[in-house]
């Protein structure tokens, strides 16, 4: 293998690695967006559960007071 072929092989390897890193960067960005959305959904769900628990406690207290 000549020196020129080795250089071209190395350049090709670097370019392929660059493409792979770009693809990996895009995947990480998508994952970040997904995790952000999941976190937001989790917080909203926790708030809804708290409201339901408050309602149930209120109804239980009201039922206990009527007895």
N, C-alpha and C. Protein backbone atom coordinates (compact mmCIF):
# COMPACT_ATOMS: atom_id res chain seq x y z
N UNK A 1 0.85 -1.17 0.00
CA UNK A 1 0.00 0.00 0.00
C UNK A 1 0.90 1.23 0.00
N UNK A 2 0.64 2.13 -0.92
CA UNK A 2 1.49 3.32 -1.02
C UNK A 2 1.11 4.33 0.05
N UNK A 3 1.97 5.32 0.20
CA UNK A 3 1.73 6.36 1.20
C UNK A 3 0.48 7.16 0.90
N UNK A 4 0.21 7.39 -0.38
CA UNK A 4 -0.98 8.16 -0.77
C UNK A 4 -2.25 7.40 -0.41
N UNK A 5 -2.24 6.10 -0.64
CA UNK A 5 -3.41 5.29 -0.29
C UNK A 5 -3.64 5.29 1.21
N UNK A 6 -2.55 5.28 1.99
CA UNK A 6 -2.68 5.32 3.44
C UNK A 6 -3.29 6.64 3.89
N UNK A 7 -2.85 7.72 3.26
CA UNK A 7 -3.37 9.05 3.60
C UNK A 7 -4.86 9.12 3.26
N UNK A 8 -5.24 8.66 2.06
CA UNK A 8 -6.64 8.67 1.67
C UNK A 8 -7.48 7.78 2.60
N UNK A 9 -6.93 6.65 2.99
CA UNK A 9 -7.63 5.78 3.92
C UNK A 9 -7.85 6.46 5.26
N UNK A 10 -6.84 7.17 5.72
CA UNK A 10 -6.96 7.88 7.00
C UNK A 10 -7.98 9.00 6.90
N UNK A 11 -7.95 9.74 5.79
CA UNK A 11 -8.92 10.83 5.60
C UNK A 11 -10.34 10.26 5.54
N UNK A 12 -10.50 9.16 4.83
CA UNK A 12 -11.81 8.53 4.73
C UNK A 12 -12.29 8.08 6.11
N UNK A 13 -11.41 7.51 6.91
CA UNK A 13 -11.76 7.07 8.26
C UNK A 13 -12.19 8.25 9.12
N UNK A 14 -11.47 9.36 9.00
CA UNK A 14 -11.82 10.56 9.78
C UNK A 14 -13.17 11.09 9.35
N UNK A 15 -13.45 11.10 8.06
CA UNK A 15 -14.74 11.60 7.57
C UNK A 15 -15.89 10.70 8.03
N UNK A 16 -15.68 9.40 8.01
CA UNK A 16 -16.70 8.48 8.49
C UNK A 16 -16.95 8.66 9.99
N UNK A 17 -15.89 8.86 10.74
CA UNK A 17 -16.05 9.10 12.17
C UNK A 17 -16.82 10.39 12.42
N UNK A 18 -16.53 11.41 11.61
CA UNK A 18 -17.23 12.69 11.74
C UNK A 18 -18.73 12.50 11.48
N UNK A 19 -19.08 11.73 10.46
CA UNK A 19 -20.48 11.46 10.16
C UNK A 19 -21.14 10.69 11.31
N UNK A 20 -20.42 9.74 11.85
CA UNK A 20 -20.98 8.97 12.97
C UNK A 20 -21.19 9.85 14.20
N UNK A 21 -20.25 10.75 14.46
CA UNK A 21 -20.41 11.65 15.60
C UNK A 21 -21.56 12.62 15.37
N UNK A 22 -21.77 13.06 14.13
CA UNK A 22 -22.92 13.92 13.84
C UNK A 22 -24.23 13.18 14.08
N UNK A 23 -24.29 11.92 13.65
CA UNK A 23 -25.49 11.12 13.88
C UNK A 23 -25.71 10.90 15.37
N UNK A 24 -24.65 10.63 16.10
CA UNK A 24 -24.75 10.44 17.54
C UNK A 24 -25.21 11.72 18.22
N UNK A 25 -24.72 12.86 17.75
CA UNK A 25 -25.13 14.14 18.31
C UNK A 25 -26.63 14.36 18.10
N UNK A 26 -27.14 14.01 16.93
CA UNK A 26 -28.57 14.16 16.66
C UNK A 26 -29.39 13.24 17.58
N UNK A 27 -28.91 12.02 17.78
CA UNK A 27 -29.62 11.09 18.67
C UNK A 27 -29.64 11.61 20.10
N UNK A 28 -28.54 12.19 20.55
CA UNK A 28 -28.48 12.73 21.91
C UNK A 28 -29.43 13.91 22.04
N UNK A 29 -29.51 14.74 21.02
CA UNK A 29 -30.44 15.88 21.06
C UNK A 29 -31.88 15.41 21.12
N UNK A 30 -32.22 14.38 20.34
CA UNK A 30 -33.58 13.83 20.38
C UNK A 30 -33.87 13.24 21.76
N UNK A 31 -32.90 12.53 22.31
CA UNK A 31 -33.06 11.95 23.64
C UNK A 31 -33.28 13.03 24.69
N UNK A 32 -32.55 14.13 24.56
CA UNK A 32 -32.70 15.24 25.49
C UNK A 32 -34.12 15.79 25.42
N UNK A 33 -34.63 15.95 24.21
CA UNK A 33 -36.01 16.43 24.06
C UNK A 33 -37.02 15.46 24.65
N UNK A 34 -36.79 14.17 24.42
CA UNK A 34 -37.69 13.16 24.96
C UNK A 34 -37.67 13.17 26.48
N UNK A 35 -36.49 13.28 27.07
CA UNK A 35 -36.39 13.29 28.53
C UNK A 35 -37.02 14.55 29.12
N UNK A 36 -36.88 15.67 28.43
CA UNK A 36 -37.51 16.91 28.89
C UNK A 36 -39.02 16.77 28.88
N UNK A 37 -39.56 16.20 27.80
CA UNK A 37 -41.00 16.00 27.71
C UNK A 37 -41.48 15.01 28.78
N UNK A 38 -40.72 13.96 29.00
CA UNK A 38 -41.07 12.97 30.03
C UNK A 38 -41.08 13.61 31.42
N UNK A 39 -40.10 14.43 31.69
CA UNK A 39 -40.02 15.11 32.98
C UNK A 39 -41.22 16.04 33.18
N UNK A 40 -41.56 16.76 32.13
CA UNK A 40 -42.71 17.68 32.21
C UNK A 40 -44.00 16.88 32.43
N UNK A 41 -44.16 15.79 31.72
CA UNK A 41 -45.35 14.94 31.89
C UNK A 41 -45.42 14.38 33.31
N UNK A 42 -44.28 13.97 33.84
CA UNK A 42 -44.23 13.43 35.19
C UNK A 42 -44.69 14.48 36.20
N UNK A 43 -44.22 15.70 36.05
CA UNK A 43 -44.61 16.77 36.97
C UNK A 43 -46.10 17.05 36.87
N UNK A 44 -46.64 17.08 35.66
CA UNK A 44 -48.07 17.32 35.48
C UNK A 44 -48.89 16.19 36.10
N UNK A 45 -48.44 14.97 35.92
CA UNK A 45 -49.15 13.83 36.49
C UNK A 45 -49.11 13.88 38.02
N UNK A 46 -47.99 14.24 38.58
CA UNK A 46 -47.88 14.35 40.04
C UNK A 46 -48.85 15.40 40.57
N UNK A 47 -49.00 16.51 39.84
CA UNK A 47 -49.94 17.54 40.27
C UNK A 47 -51.38 17.03 40.21
N UNK A 48 -51.70 16.30 39.15
CA UNK A 48 -53.06 15.76 39.03
C UNK A 48 -53.36 14.76 40.15
N UNK A 49 -52.40 13.92 40.46
CA UNK A 49 -52.59 12.95 41.54
C UNK A 49 -52.79 13.68 42.86
N UNK A 50 -52.04 14.73 43.09
CA UNK A 50 -52.19 15.50 44.33
C UNK A 50 -53.59 16.11 44.43
N UNK A 51 -54.11 16.59 43.32
CA UNK A 51 -55.46 17.16 43.32
C UNK A 51 -56.48 16.08 43.64
N UNK A 52 -56.34 14.91 43.02
CA UNK A 52 -57.27 13.81 43.28
C UNK A 52 -57.19 13.37 44.74
N UNK A 53 -55.99 13.25 45.28
CA UNK A 53 -55.83 12.88 46.68
C UNK A 53 -56.49 13.91 47.60
N UNK A 54 -56.31 15.18 47.28
CA UNK A 54 -56.94 16.23 48.08
C UNK A 54 -58.45 16.14 48.05
N UNK A 55 -58.98 15.87 46.87
CA UNK A 55 -60.44 15.71 46.73
C UNK A 55 -60.93 14.53 47.57
N UNK A 56 -60.24 13.40 47.48
CA UNK A 56 -60.64 12.21 48.23
C UNK A 56 -60.54 12.44 49.73
N UNK A 57 -59.50 13.11 50.17
CA UNK A 57 -59.38 13.40 51.61
C UNK A 57 -60.50 14.32 52.07
N UNK A 58 -60.82 15.30 51.25
CA UNK A 58 -61.92 16.20 51.58
C UNK A 58 -63.24 15.48 51.70
N UNK A 59 -63.50 14.57 50.75
CA UNK A 59 -64.74 13.80 50.80
C UNK A 59 -64.76 12.88 52.02
N UNK A 60 -63.63 12.28 52.35
CA UNK A 60 -63.56 11.40 53.52
C UNK A 60 -63.79 12.20 54.79
N UNK A 61 -63.19 13.38 54.88
CA UNK A 61 -63.39 14.23 56.07
C UNK A 61 -64.85 14.68 56.17
N UNK A 62 -65.45 14.99 55.03
CA UNK A 62 -66.83 15.42 55.02
C UNK A 62 -67.75 14.28 55.44
N UNK A 63 -67.47 13.08 54.99
CA UNK A 63 -68.27 11.92 55.37
C UNK A 63 -68.12 11.61 56.86
N UNK A 64 -66.89 11.76 57.37
CA UNK A 64 -66.66 11.51 58.78
C UNK A 64 -67.36 12.55 59.65
N UNK A 65 -67.41 13.79 59.18
CA UNK A 65 -68.05 14.85 59.95
C UNK A 65 -69.56 14.68 59.97
N UNK A 66 -70.13 14.06 58.96
CA UNK A 66 -71.59 13.87 58.90
C UNK A 66 -72.05 12.72 59.79
N UNK A 67 -71.17 11.87 60.22
CA UNK A 67 -71.56 10.71 61.03
C UNK A 67 -71.68 11.06 62.48
